[in-house]
Every structure is written in C-alpha cells, then in structure tokens.
Amino acid sequence: MGNTSKKLAAKCTLLTRDEQKYVAATFRAASKNSEKIREEELIVSGKVDPVSLEKFWSPQIDPRLAQYLSNYLFGSGADKLTTVDFNRFAELYVYNVRGTIEERLTVTYNCLGMDFNEDVELPFQLLKEYCESIAATYMKIVKSSTSKRVKTWLDKGFRVDAGHVQALGEAIAATAGGDPDSPPHHCTSSQLSKWLQTNILFKQLEELVFVNLYGINKRGGDESPSPLPPAPVTLLPAPDGLDAMPDYPAFIDLSHIAWINSQLPQKYQHKWRFLFSSHIHGESWSTMAGRIQEQGPSVLIIEDNNGYIFGGFATASWSFSPNWTGVDDSFLFTCAPKMRMYPATNYNDHYQYMNHHTKTLPNGMIMGGQLEFGGIWVPAEPFGEGSSAESCSTYKGYKRLSKEPHFHIRSIEVWGVGDKPSVDKDMPNPVTEKNSVLNAHEPERNFLHLIGKPVYSEDLPDVQSS
C-alpha cells in the first residue's frame, strides 16, 4: 500500500487496522489516487457512470443502489457536495456493517434523499425499493462469485430471476409495518428502529453487500467474503448430492434458497442435502418416503399446478408414526408469488406427521393443522395430489399456501438440512414388542392414542409362548 493509502487510512478512526488497507485501496480506485472523490467521477447526468465504477463496483451493484449510495455521499438539492473525503466514504461502510440503529437509520434516510429525525416518516414504497436494490446487488455478487458452492447451484440450473429477487426485497421490507400483507403507506422511526433490530436477513444482506463493494477480506475458496470479525452467516448453503445429477430440473430460484435458508436455525444453514425430487425419482410415495426417512431436519418444497411455490421446515426426522412429531422451530413458508414465513404458535404441537398402510389413520404427509386438514397435506394415494387448509392454528399468521385449496403437484422435493444425523447402532431391538399379542390390534391402539383414550393393557407385560 502506497503512502497515499497510509495517509488516508490514518485519518479514519472508524476502521480497524485490517479494514483500513482494503477501504483505502477501494477509495484510491474511485478517486484516481486523489484525497477526494469528485461527483463527476461517480455520476454522469444523474446516472452511474459504469466506466468510472468498473474498477470496484460495476457490475456488482444494482443501478438503484449506486444512486442511493451517491445520495448519501454527495447529498442532493442545494446542499449537494461536489466531492467527498475518505472519512465520509469509510463511514458509509462502517455504518452499514456494524453501525448503531440510529446510524443505520440515518444512512437509510439519507440514501433515500431524506434527513433523519424521529418525527420524519419514511414512505414504505421507498423502503421497499431500497430493500430490493440491496437484494439485487447481493444476487449480482453471487452470480459473479467464484465460490464452489455458488458455481454448483448455478451449474445445476438454479437461476436468479429478477422477479424473484424483487419478491425477496419486498418480503424483507414487508415486516417493517407489522402485518406483512397490509404494509403501511409510511413507516415511523420507531417502526423502522424495531425492524432494523429484528430483521436478521436484511442485516446479513447489508453486511455481505458492503463487504464486497468495499473489497474487505477478499479471498478465494468456498466461503463468501466477510467482514473482520465477525463473519456473517453464509446465505446460500453448500449443496450436497447434486453432483451426481447431470440434468437437474430446478424449479426454485437462488432467491428462494436464500429466503428459506435464512429462516432456518443457524446450525442447519451451512448445508442442504438433496434427498428427493419427483422429476428425478418419479412420482412415487414409497420412493419419497424411503429416501427422506431418518435424515434429520429437512425442508419440503412444493410447486402446485398454478405455479405457487411453498413448503415447510420439519425439525424431526420423517418416520412412519401414528403421532405428531417435531418441535416449535418448525415453520411453513411461501416462495411464490410472495415470500412469507409462518412460525409456530405453540397452540398445538401438530408440526409433522407421516404414516402409511394404516386403516384407521390418514396415510400421507401432513404439516400443521389437523389430520387430513393440514397446512400441507400430501396423501399417499393418489400421489401427486395435495391440499392446503384455509386456516391452521399451528402456525402464526397462516394463510392458505396454494392458490386453490386442493391442488395438483407439479414438483415436489425434499432437502435434508445441516449434517446427516448419525445412526445409533446400539439401540435395543424391541423383540418383545414384535411378539406381543397386542400388535394384532396395533391400528386400533394407535387410533386410541391419537384421540387421547387410555390403553390399559399397555402396562401389562407381554405374554409370549413358551
């Protein structure tokens, strides 16, 4: 790093020593080795000049975000500056990556051409467009990445569709007003403050975007570039099991994967394990059930015949049982036409159910709600049909996931998330249960369990023939 960079870095106390060299190098590229960046070097006739920005931002930045950042750096109207110094340039990075809530609010307001104070409300439409520009820039960074995990997703046909990226930005902004499906016309500073504190996905996107734009800690390998320290959670998981699929018929988008993955408990976000696809393994209930059992937590994703994409996060391994399983980390979600997440209410524990070959209980897969009236209900026969109930008390804010209550499944796939659980080979084999005379009436006993009736004979020892 030259003397100019050292002098610049010494002027900014906001940056860590490790960050100073990266931000100074980026500033030098933009300012052409000057101590200030002129407006005309970044903006030409109100538009971003791609030639001037080519060295460090283009093509990684969405044009809208480039304009927003220029609004922050230079201002607007009569008070617009013609140049900015290194401190102002570094400030934009620091406030977005690790700023206080007030600093992040100030950046957001200034980027959108407004001065921040507690009495000024922000139009929701502007907030939505700002979030969309952050999401679009992140996806541009993803597409230009040399990361092995990103390349695997892209090579297998997972696309980055502009409409889905826009939906991701809308979903992030939608939580600012309380009810995602009824956003306010304007957001108060208190609403925005709470939103910035609770919206983890937006914080992660901001960090990843500004870390990349400012060239912090760039390195090769499989991990996304990250600030120093701490490193943010990688939004795209490592795909496991796709290498053996020469022609994978992807129906979801990388924006969908980032959306779903960000909602998972952090310990499962690093890897998705491919388990089942109806396009690859066929429309067979028995095949799907066999491939997804005892695989640990998983994500079920369905596309209906109207193009709606939705699913659920199952916290327990799928297995045949007359009982509901899972815990309250479980949730349902939609990806298209909108991205929404429905967390557990704790009203009941009807998180997941799967059964087959029983006479008295439903045969199929259910997530939430009641038997045969679930948030997601996929019957074993006929496989390829499904339904989504109008209401589901298991999940908060729930709205029907599919376009129609009953639907035909166009695509269905299941991914294990996190590492595959180890199988305990030392588990005892219940031989006495196999030989019990009571097993002759097992379906009836299961039904009594389900409706809460006692089975008094269960406490008696099994009588085995000598």
Protein backbone atom coordinates (compact mmCIF):
# COMPACT_ATOMS: atom_id res chain seq x y z
CA MET A 1 0.00 0.00 0.00
CA GLY A 2 1.41 3.36 -1.03
CA ASN A 3 1.92 6.48 1.06
CA THR A 4 -1.38 7.94 -0.15
CA SER A 5 -3.30 4.94 1.18
CA LYS A 6 -1.50 5.10 4.54
CA LYS A 7 -2.30 8.78 4.94
CA LEU A 8 -5.94 8.16 4.06
CA ALA A 9 -6.29 5.26 6.44
CA ALA A 10 -4.68 7.21 9.28
CA LYS A 11 -7.42 9.82 9.00
CA CYS A 12 -10.24 7.38 9.74
CA THR A 13 -10.57 6.03 13.27
CA LEU A 14 -13.79 4.14 12.45
CA LEU A 15 -11.95 1.36 10.62
CA THR A 16 -9.98 -1.45 12.15
CA ARG A 17 -6.38 -1.83 11.09
CA ASP A 18 -7.31 -4.86 8.97
CA GLU A 19 -10.07 -2.91 7.21
CA GLN A 20 -8.04 0.22 6.54
CA LYS A 21 -5.95 -1.17 3.70
CA TYR A 22 -8.96 -2.57 1.85
CA VAL A 23 -11.13 0.53 2.14
CA ALA A 24 -8.20 2.80 1.28
CA ALA A 25 -7.44 0.76 -1.84
CA THR A 26 -11.08 0.97 -2.92
CA PHE A 27 -11.12 4.73 -2.31
CA ARG A 28 -7.95 5.18 -4.37
CA ALA A 29 -9.50 3.29 -7.27
CA ALA A 30 -12.58 5.51 -7.17
CA SER A 31 -10.74 8.79 -6.67
CA LYS A 32 -7.92 8.01 -9.09
CA ASN A 33 -5.34 8.32 -6.30
CA SER A 34 -6.73 11.62 -5.06
CA GLU A 35 -7.68 12.50 -1.49
CA LYS A 36 -11.26 13.20 -2.55
CA ILE A 37 -13.82 11.65 -4.89
CA ARG A 38 -15.49 14.08 -7.26
CA GLU A 39 -19.15 13.73 -8.14
CA GLU A 40 -18.47 13.59 -11.85
CA GLU A 41 -16.23 10.57 -11.30
CA LEU A 42 -19.23 8.66 -9.98
CA ILE A 43 -22.26 10.32 -11.57
CA VAL A 44 -22.81 11.48 -15.15
CA SER A 45 -26.14 13.22 -15.96
CA GLY A 46 -27.73 11.74 -12.86
CA LYS A 47 -26.75 8.19 -13.79
CA VAL A 48 -23.98 5.95 -12.57
CA ASP A 49 -21.03 6.00 -14.94
CA PRO A 50 -20.11 2.33 -15.43
CA VAL A 51 -16.67 3.23 -16.77
CA SER A 52 -15.68 5.12 -13.63
CA LEU A 53 -17.11 2.44 -11.36
CA GLU A 54 -15.79 -0.54 -13.29
CA LYS A 55 -12.72 -0.97 -11.11
CA PHE A 56 -14.54 -1.73 -7.91
CA TRP A 57 -18.36 -1.65 -8.08
CA SER A 58 -19.65 -2.40 -11.55
CA PRO A 59 -21.12 -4.85 -12.50
CA GLN A 60 -21.69 -5.93 -8.89
CA ILE A 61 -24.03 -3.10 -7.94
CA ASP A 62 -27.67 -2.57 -8.83
CA PRO A 63 -28.04 0.86 -10.54
CA ARG A 64 -30.65 1.93 -7.99
CA LEU A 65 -28.32 1.19 -5.07
CA ALA A 66 -25.49 3.07 -6.80
CA GLN A 67 -27.74 6.14 -6.93
CA TYR A 68 -28.82 5.69 -3.31
CA LEU A 69 -25.21 5.50 -2.16
CA SER A 70 -24.38 8.60 -4.18
CA ASN A 71 -27.25 10.36 -2.41
CA TYR A 72 -25.60 9.54 0.91
CA LEU A 73 -22.10 10.52 -0.18
CA PHE A 74 -22.91 13.76 -2.02
CA GLY A 75 -26.38 14.72 -0.78
CA SER A 76 -28.99 16.30 -3.01
CA GLY A 77 -30.53 19.65 -3.87
CA ALA A 78 -28.85 22.95 -3.00
CA ASP A 79 -26.64 21.31 -0.36
CA LYS A 80 -25.18 18.73 -2.74
CA LEU A 81 -21.42 18.30 -2.38
CA THR A 82 -19.05 18.16 -5.34
CA THR A 83 -16.51 15.94 -3.55
CA VAL A 84 -16.32 13.62 -0.55
CA ASP A 85 -13.31 12.68 1.53
CA PHE A 86 -12.09 9.34 2.79
CA ASN A 87 -13.85 9.63 6.15
CA ARG A 88 -17.26 10.04 4.53
CA PHE A 89 -16.56 7.15 2.18
CA ALA A 90 -15.44 4.88 5.04
CA GLU A 91 -18.37 6.00 7.19
CA LEU A 92 -20.84 4.57 4.66
CA TYR A 93 -19.22 1.15 5.01
CA VAL A 94 -18.92 1.18 8.80
CA TYR A 95 -22.47 2.36 9.46
CA ASN A 96 -23.97 -0.34 7.24
CA VAL A 97 -21.81 -3.19 8.50
CA ARG A 98 -21.70 -2.52 12.25
CA GLY A 99 -23.42 0.79 12.89
CA THR A 100 -25.84 1.54 15.71
CA ILE A 101 -29.55 1.52 14.95
CA GLU A 102 -29.54 5.33 14.74
CA GLU A 103 -26.57 5.30 12.37
CA ARG A 104 -28.25 2.71 10.15
CA LEU A 105 -31.46 4.76 10.18
CA THR A 106 -29.51 7.85 9.18
CA VAL A 107 -27.88 6.01 6.27
CA THR A 108 -31.25 4.66 5.08
CA TYR A 109 -32.95 8.06 5.19
CA ASN A 110 -30.01 9.84 3.54
CA CYS A 111 -29.73 7.25 0.79
CA LEU A 112 -33.41 7.84 0.01
CA GLY A 113 -32.88 11.61 -0.13
CA MET A 114 -34.29 12.46 3.29
CA ASP A 115 -32.88 13.82 6.55
CA PHE A 116 -33.42 11.59 9.55
CA ASN A 117 -35.16 12.68 12.71
CA GLU A 118 -37.65 10.88 14.91
CA ASP A 119 -40.62 12.83 13.55
CA VAL A 120 -39.99 12.14 9.85
CA GLU A 121 -41.81 9.15 8.38
CA LEU A 122 -40.37 7.14 5.50
CA PRO A 123 -42.67 6.19 2.59
CA PHE A 124 -42.99 2.40 2.52
CA GLN A 125 -42.57 2.35 -1.27
CA LEU A 126 -39.11 3.95 -0.92
CA LEU A 127 -38.13 1.44 1.76
CA LYS A 128 -39.28 -1.43 -0.45
CA GLU A 129 -37.22 -0.17 -3.40
CA TYR A 130 -34.18 0.24 -1.15
CA CYS A 131 -34.51 -3.34 0.09
CA GLU A 132 -34.95 -4.56 -3.49
CA SER A 133 -31.75 -2.76 -4.52
CA ILE A 134 -29.83 -4.44 -1.66
CA ALA A 135 -31.21 -7.87 -2.61
CA ALA A 136 -30.48 -7.32 -6.31
CA THR A 137 -26.91 -6.26 -5.56
CA TYR A 138 -26.36 -9.32 -3.39
CA MET A 139 -27.57 -11.59 -6.18
CA LYS A 140 -25.29 -9.82 -8.68
CA ILE A 141 -22.41 -10.51 -6.31
CA VAL A 142 -23.49 -14.15 -6.05
CA LYS A 143 -23.64 -14.59 -9.82
CA SER A 144 -20.14 -13.14 -10.28
CA SER A 145 -18.69 -15.17 -7.40
CA THR A 146 -16.04 -17.84 -7.97
CA SER A 147 -17.23 -19.76 -4.92
CA LYS A 148 -17.53 -23.50 -5.47
CA ARG A 149 -20.90 -23.68 -3.74
CA VAL A 150 -22.34 -20.89 -5.87
CA LYS A 151 -20.97 -22.46 -9.05
CA THR A 152 -22.61 -25.79 -8.16
CA TRP A 153 -26.03 -24.18 -7.71
CA LEU A 154 -25.72 -22.23 -10.96
CA ASP A 155 -24.35 -25.17 -12.96
CA LYS A 156 -27.33 -27.30 -11.91
CA GLY A 157 -29.80 -24.81 -13.35
CA PHE A 158 -30.72 -22.76 -10.29
CA ARG A 159 -31.38 -19.33 -11.74
CA VAL A 160 -31.54 -15.77 -10.45
CA ASP A 161 -34.79 -14.36 -11.80
CA ALA A 162 -35.33 -10.61 -11.47
CA GLY A 163 -38.94 -11.09 -10.38
CA HIS A 164 -37.95 -13.42 -7.55
CA VAL A 165 -35.16 -11.07 -6.44
CA GLN A 166 -37.75 -8.29 -6.32
CA ALA A 167 -40.03 -10.54 -4.24
CA LEU A 168 -37.16 -11.12 -1.80
CA GLY A 169 -36.70 -7.38 -1.35
CA GLU A 170 -40.46 -6.93 -0.86
CA ALA A 171 -40.55 -9.67 1.75
CA ILE A 172 -37.74 -8.01 3.72
CA ALA A 173 -39.47 -4.61 3.68
CA ALA A 174 -42.93 -6.05 4.39
CA THR A 175 -42.11 -6.82 8.02
CA ALA A 176 -41.50 -3.14 8.82
CA GLY A 177 -45.18 -2.37 9.36
CA GLY A 178 -46.30 -5.31 11.49
CA ASP A 179 -48.66 -7.15 9.12
CA PRO A 180 -46.63 -8.17 6.05
CA ASP A 181 -49.74 -8.35 3.88
CA SER A 182 -51.00 -4.89 4.88
CA PRO A 183 -47.93 -2.62 4.81
CA PRO A 184 -48.35 0.99 5.91
CA HIS A 185 -48.12 3.90 3.48
CA HIS A 186 -45.43 5.43 5.71
CA CYS A 187 -43.15 3.93 8.36
CA THR A 188 -42.43 5.76 11.60
CA SER A 189 -38.91 5.94 13.00
CA SER A 190 -39.94 3.63 15.87
CA GLN A 191 -41.26 1.04 13.39
CA LEU A 192 -38.05 1.25 11.38
CA SER A 193 -35.91 1.03 14.51
CA LYS A 194 -37.66 -2.17 15.60
CA TRP A 195 -37.44 -3.53 12.05
CA LEU A 196 -33.68 -2.95 11.88
CA GLN A 197 -33.21 -4.68 15.23
CA THR A 198 -35.25 -7.76 14.36
CA ASN A 199 -34.74 -8.30 10.62
CA ILE A 200 -31.68 -10.52 10.62
CA LEU A 201 -31.84 -11.25 6.89
CA PHE A 202 -31.63 -7.57 5.95
CA LYS A 203 -28.64 -7.13 8.27
CA GLN A 204 -26.88 -10.09 6.69
CA LEU A 205 -27.55 -8.81 3.18
CA GLU A 206 -26.26 -5.34 4.09
CA GLU A 207 -23.06 -6.77 5.53
CA LEU A 208 -22.37 -9.02 2.56
CA VAL A 209 -23.12 -6.26 0.04
CA PHE A 210 -20.89 -3.63 1.62
CA VAL A 211 -18.11 -6.07 2.44
CA ASN A 212 -17.96 -6.94 -1.26
CA LEU A 213 -18.35 -3.37 -2.57
CA TYR A 214 -15.54 -2.18 -0.33
CA GLY A 215 -13.30 -5.15 -1.07
CA ILE A 216 -12.96 -6.28 2.55
CA ASN A 217 -11.10 -9.52 3.17
CA LYS A 218 -11.37 -10.82 -0.38
CA ARG A 219 -10.07 -14.34 -0.70
CA GLY A 220 -10.53 -17.43 -2.80
CA GLY A 221 -12.14 -20.63 -1.68
CA ASP A 222 -15.62 -21.75 -0.83
CA GLU A 223 -16.68 -19.10 1.68
CA SER A 224 -18.22 -15.76 0.82
CA PRO A 225 -16.07 -12.70 1.63
CA SER A 226 -16.83 -11.49 5.12
CA PRO A 227 -16.03 -8.57 7.42
CA LEU A 228 -13.37 -8.86 10.08
CA PRO A 229 -14.70 -10.03 12.56
CA PRO A 230 -17.37 -11.44 12.95
CA ALA A 231 -18.20 -13.22 9.74
CA PRO A 232 -21.90 -13.22 8.83
CA VAL A 233 -23.82 -16.40 8.18
CA THR A 234 -23.47 -17.51 4.57
CA LEU A 235 -26.89 -17.07 2.97
CA LEU A 236 -26.51 -19.85 0.40
CA PRO A 237 -25.84 -23.30 1.85
CA ALA A 238 -23.39 -25.76 0.36
CA PRO A 239 -25.35 -28.17 -1.88
CA ASP A 240 -24.67 -31.83 -1.19
CA GLY A 241 -25.75 -34.61 -3.53
CA LEU A 242 -26.28 -32.62 -6.73
CA ASP A 243 -23.00 -33.62 -8.37
CA ALA A 244 -24.46 -36.98 -9.42
CA MET A 245 -27.42 -35.27 -11.12
CA PRO A 246 -26.38 -34.48 -14.73
CA ASP A 247 -29.61 -32.68 -15.64
CA TYR A 248 -31.27 -31.27 -12.55
CA PRO A 249 -34.72 -29.74 -13.26
CA ALA A 250 -34.56 -26.83 -10.83
CA PHE A 251 -37.89 -25.10 -10.21
CA ILE A 252 -36.77 -22.84 -7.37
CA ASP A 253 -34.56 -19.76 -7.55
CA LEU A 254 -31.42 -18.81 -5.63
CA SER A 255 -33.53 -16.05 -4.07
CA HIS A 256 -35.87 -18.74 -2.74
CA ILE A 257 -32.95 -20.70 -1.29
CA ALA A 258 -31.54 -17.60 0.43
CA TRP A 259 -35.02 -16.80 1.80
CA ILE A 260 -35.70 -20.29 3.18
CA ASN A 261 -32.18 -20.81 4.48
CA SER A 262 -32.19 -17.51 6.38
CA GLN A 263 -35.24 -18.69 8.35
CA LEU A 264 -33.64 -21.96 9.50
CA PRO A 265 -31.91 -22.32 12.87
CA GLN A 266 -28.30 -21.26 12.30
CA LYS A 267 -26.89 -24.74 12.97
CA TYR A 268 -28.63 -26.03 9.83
CA GLN A 269 -27.83 -23.18 7.45
CA HIS A 270 -24.42 -24.37 6.21
CA LYS A 271 -25.56 -27.35 4.09
CA TRP A 272 -28.55 -28.67 2.13
CA ARG A 273 -28.52 -32.40 1.31
CA PHE A 274 -30.52 -33.42 -1.75
CA LEU A 275 -32.93 -36.25 -0.80
CA PHE A 276 -35.82 -36.44 -3.25
CA SER A 277 -37.20 -34.86 -6.43
CA SER A 278 -40.36 -36.03 -8.18
CA HIS A 279 -38.75 -35.10 -11.51
CA ILE A 280 -35.73 -37.33 -10.89
CA HIS A 281 -37.04 -40.14 -8.69
CA GLY A 282 -40.55 -40.33 -10.10
CA GLU A 283 -43.99 -39.62 -8.70
CA SER A 284 -43.92 -42.37 -6.12
CA TRP A 285 -44.95 -42.04 -2.49
CA SER A 286 -42.98 -45.10 -1.39
CA THR A 287 -39.83 -43.84 -3.11
CA MET A 288 -40.12 -40.42 -1.49
CA ALA A 289 -40.87 -41.87 1.93
CA GLY A 290 -37.94 -44.27 1.69
CA ARG A 291 -35.48 -41.54 0.70
CA ILE A 292 -36.43 -38.97 3.36
CA GLN A 293 -36.79 -41.16 6.47
CA GLU A 294 -34.26 -40.83 9.30
CA GLN A 295 -32.43 -37.98 7.56
CA GLY A 296 -32.75 -35.40 10.32
CA PRO A 297 -34.38 -31.98 9.88
CA SER A 298 -35.49 -31.23 6.34
CA VAL A 299 -37.16 -28.74 4.03
CA LEU A 300 -40.16 -29.79 1.95
CA ILE A 301 -40.78 -27.67 -1.18
CA ILE A 302 -43.83 -27.98 -3.45
CA GLU A 303 -44.86 -26.26 -6.67
CA ASP A 304 -48.57 -26.56 -7.45
CA ASN A 305 -50.19 -26.57 -10.88
CA ASN A 306 -50.74 -22.78 -10.64
CA GLY A 307 -47.06 -22.01 -10.12
CA TYR A 308 -47.35 -21.32 -6.38
CA ILE A 309 -44.22 -22.46 -4.52
CA PHE A 310 -44.42 -23.25 -0.81
CA GLY A 311 -43.34 -25.74 1.83
CA GLY A 312 -42.25 -26.29 5.38
CA PHE A 313 -39.30 -26.89 7.68
CA ALA A 314 -39.59 -30.21 9.51
CA THR A 315 -37.48 -30.27 12.66
CA ALA A 316 -37.56 -34.03 13.23
CA SER A 317 -36.58 -36.93 11.00
CA TRP A 318 -39.51 -38.16 8.94
CA SER A 319 -40.66 -41.62 10.04
CA PHE A 320 -43.90 -43.60 9.99
CA SER A 321 -45.79 -42.97 13.20
CA PRO A 322 -49.37 -42.53 14.44
CA ASN A 323 -48.20 -39.47 16.38
CA TRP A 324 -47.30 -35.89 15.55
CA THR A 325 -43.59 -35.14 15.88
CA GLY A 326 -41.32 -32.10 15.69
CA VAL A 327 -40.72 -29.02 17.83
CA ASP A 328 -41.62 -25.36 17.64
CA ASP A 329 -38.68 -24.36 15.41
CA SER A 330 -40.86 -25.76 12.65
CA PHE A 331 -42.43 -23.29 10.20
CA LEU A 332 -44.30 -23.08 6.92
CA PHE A 333 -43.33 -20.72 4.11
CA THR A 334 -44.22 -19.49 0.65
CA CYS A 335 -41.77 -18.53 -2.11
CA ALA A 336 -44.08 -17.58 -4.98
CA PRO A 337 -45.90 -15.42 -5.75
CA LYS A 338 -44.76 -13.86 -2.44
CA MET A 339 -42.18 -14.83 0.13
CA ARG A 340 -43.72 -15.26 3.56
CA MET A 341 -42.84 -17.27 6.70
CA TYR A 342 -45.29 -18.63 9.28
CA PRO A 343 -43.67 -19.57 12.62
CA ALA A 344 -45.15 -21.86 15.26
CA THR A 345 -47.86 -20.51 17.57
CA ASN A 346 -47.35 -23.18 20.28
CA TYR A 347 -51.14 -23.55 20.27
CA ASN A 348 -50.59 -27.23 19.49
CA ASP A 349 -47.69 -29.46 18.53
CA HIS A 350 -49.02 -30.67 15.19
CA TYR A 351 -45.78 -29.94 13.34
CA GLN A 352 -45.31 -33.03 11.18
CA TYR A 353 -46.92 -36.41 10.61
CA MET A 354 -46.27 -39.27 8.20
CA ASN A 355 -47.95 -42.64 8.02
CA HIS A 356 -48.62 -45.45 5.56
CA HIS A 357 -50.56 -48.72 5.31
CA THR A 358 -52.90 -47.97 8.22
CA LYS A 359 -56.66 -48.49 8.13
CA THR A 360 -57.76 -46.10 10.86
CA LEU A 361 -55.36 -43.18 10.32
CA PRO A 362 -54.56 -40.95 7.35
CA ASN A 363 -51.87 -42.27 5.04
CA GLY A 364 -49.63 -39.49 3.83
CA MET A 365 -47.64 -36.46 4.97
CA ILE A 366 -49.03 -33.52 6.96
CA MET A 367 -47.50 -30.32 8.31
CA GLY A 368 -49.65 -28.31 10.73
CA GLY A 369 -53.37 -28.27 11.41
CA GLN A 370 -55.38 -31.45 11.79
CA LEU A 371 -55.38 -34.88 10.20
CA GLU A 372 -56.37 -34.56 6.53
CA PHE A 373 -56.81 -30.79 7.02
CA GLY A 374 -53.22 -29.65 7.30
CA GLY A 375 -51.37 -26.54 6.31
CA ILE A 376 -49.77 -29.01 3.91
CA TRP A 377 -51.45 -32.38 3.27
CA VAL A 378 -49.91 -34.76 0.73
CA PRO A 379 -51.82 -38.07 0.68
CA ALA A 380 -50.01 -41.27 -0.19
CA GLU A 381 -52.77 -42.21 -2.63
CA PRO A 382 -53.19 -40.80 -5.14
CA PHE A 383 -49.65 -39.41 -5.02
CA GLY A 384 -49.45 -36.14 -6.90
CA GLU A 385 -52.45 -34.53 -5.25
CA GLY A 386 -52.43 -32.23 -2.23
CA SER A 387 -54.33 -29.67 -0.22
CA SER A 388 -53.73 -26.64 1.97
CA ALA A 389 -56.30 -25.72 4.62
CA GLU A 390 -57.93 -22.29 4.86
CA SER A 391 -56.80 -21.99 8.48
CA CYS A 392 -54.08 -23.62 10.55
CA SER A 393 -53.75 -22.86 14.25
CA THR A 394 -50.28 -24.45 14.41
CA TYR A 395 -48.62 -21.54 12.60
CA LYS A 396 -48.85 -17.81 13.28
CA GLY A 397 -50.33 -15.54 10.60
CA TYR A 398 -51.01 -18.55 8.40
CA LYS A 399 -52.78 -18.07 5.07
CA ARG A 400 -53.50 -20.84 2.57
CA LEU A 401 -50.22 -21.70 0.85
CA SER A 402 -51.54 -22.91 -2.51
CA LYS A 403 -53.69 -20.94 -4.92
CA GLU A 404 -56.58 -23.40 -4.59
CA PRO A 405 -57.48 -25.48 -1.51
CA HIS A 406 -56.89 -28.68 -3.50
CA PHE A 407 -54.06 -28.77 -5.99
CA HIS A 408 -52.09 -31.00 -8.32
CA ILE A 409 -48.38 -31.23 -7.51
CA ARG A 410 -46.24 -30.08 -10.42
CA SER A 411 -42.98 -30.53 -8.48
CA ILE A 412 -42.06 -31.76 -5.04
CA GLU A 413 -38.64 -32.12 -3.48
CA VAL A 414 -37.12 -32.65 -0.05
CA TRP A 415 -33.75 -31.45 1.23
CA GLY A 416 -32.07 -32.52 4.44
CA VAL A 417 -30.54 -29.51 6.18
CA GLY A 418 -27.34 -29.49 8.16
CA ASP A 419 -25.22 -32.57 8.65
CA LYS A 420 -26.74 -36.01 8.31
CA PRO A 421 -27.51 -37.47 11.74
CA SER A 422 -25.52 -40.50 12.81
CA VAL A 423 -27.42 -43.75 13.32
CA ASP A 424 -27.08 -45.30 16.75
CA LYS A 425 -26.46 -48.97 16.01
CA ASP A 426 -26.55 -49.82 19.72
CA MET A 427 -30.27 -49.04 20.06
CA PRO A 428 -32.04 -52.04 21.64
CA ASN A 429 -34.24 -54.11 19.38
CA PRO A 430 -37.73 -54.41 20.95
CA VAL A 431 -38.21 -58.12 20.29
CA THR A 432 -40.89 -58.45 22.95
CA GLU A 433 -42.95 -55.76 21.24
CA LYS A 434 -42.75 -57.62 17.95
CA ASN A 435 -44.09 -60.77 19.60
CA SER A 436 -46.83 -59.04 21.59
CA VAL A 437 -50.36 -60.27 21.01
CA LEU A 438 -51.47 -56.65 21.27
CA ASN A 439 -49.80 -55.89 17.95
CA ALA A 440 -52.59 -57.71 16.20
CA HIS A 441 -54.70 -54.64 17.04
CA GLU A 442 -52.00 -52.02 16.56
CA PRO A 443 -54.06 -49.72 14.24
CA GLU A 444 -56.85 -49.60 16.82
CA ARG A 445 -54.37 -48.85 19.61
CA ASN A 446 -52.79 -46.10 17.51
CA PHE A 447 -56.19 -44.53 16.99
CA LEU A 448 -56.89 -44.58 20.74
CA HIS A 449 -53.53 -42.87 21.29
CA LEU A 450 -54.42 -40.17 18.79
CA ILE A 451 -57.76 -39.28 20.35
CA GLY A 452 -56.35 -39.36 23.88
CA LYS A 453 -58.06 -42.52 25.18
CA PRO A 454 -56.10 -44.71 27.67
CA VAL A 455 -54.95 -48.15 26.63
CA TYR A 456 -54.92 -50.02 29.92
CA SER A 457 -53.43 -53.22 28.59
CA GLU A 458 -50.25 -51.40 27.54
CA ASP A 459 -48.95 -51.53 31.09
CA LEU A 460 -49.29 -55.33 31.24
CA PRO A 461 -46.29 -57.47 30.34
CA ASP A 462 -46.38 -59.23 27.01
CA VAL A 463 -47.27 -62.90 27.21
CA GLN A 464 -45.01 -64.97 24.99
CA SER A 465 -45.50 -68.58 24.10
CA SER A 466 -43.02 -70.98 25.58
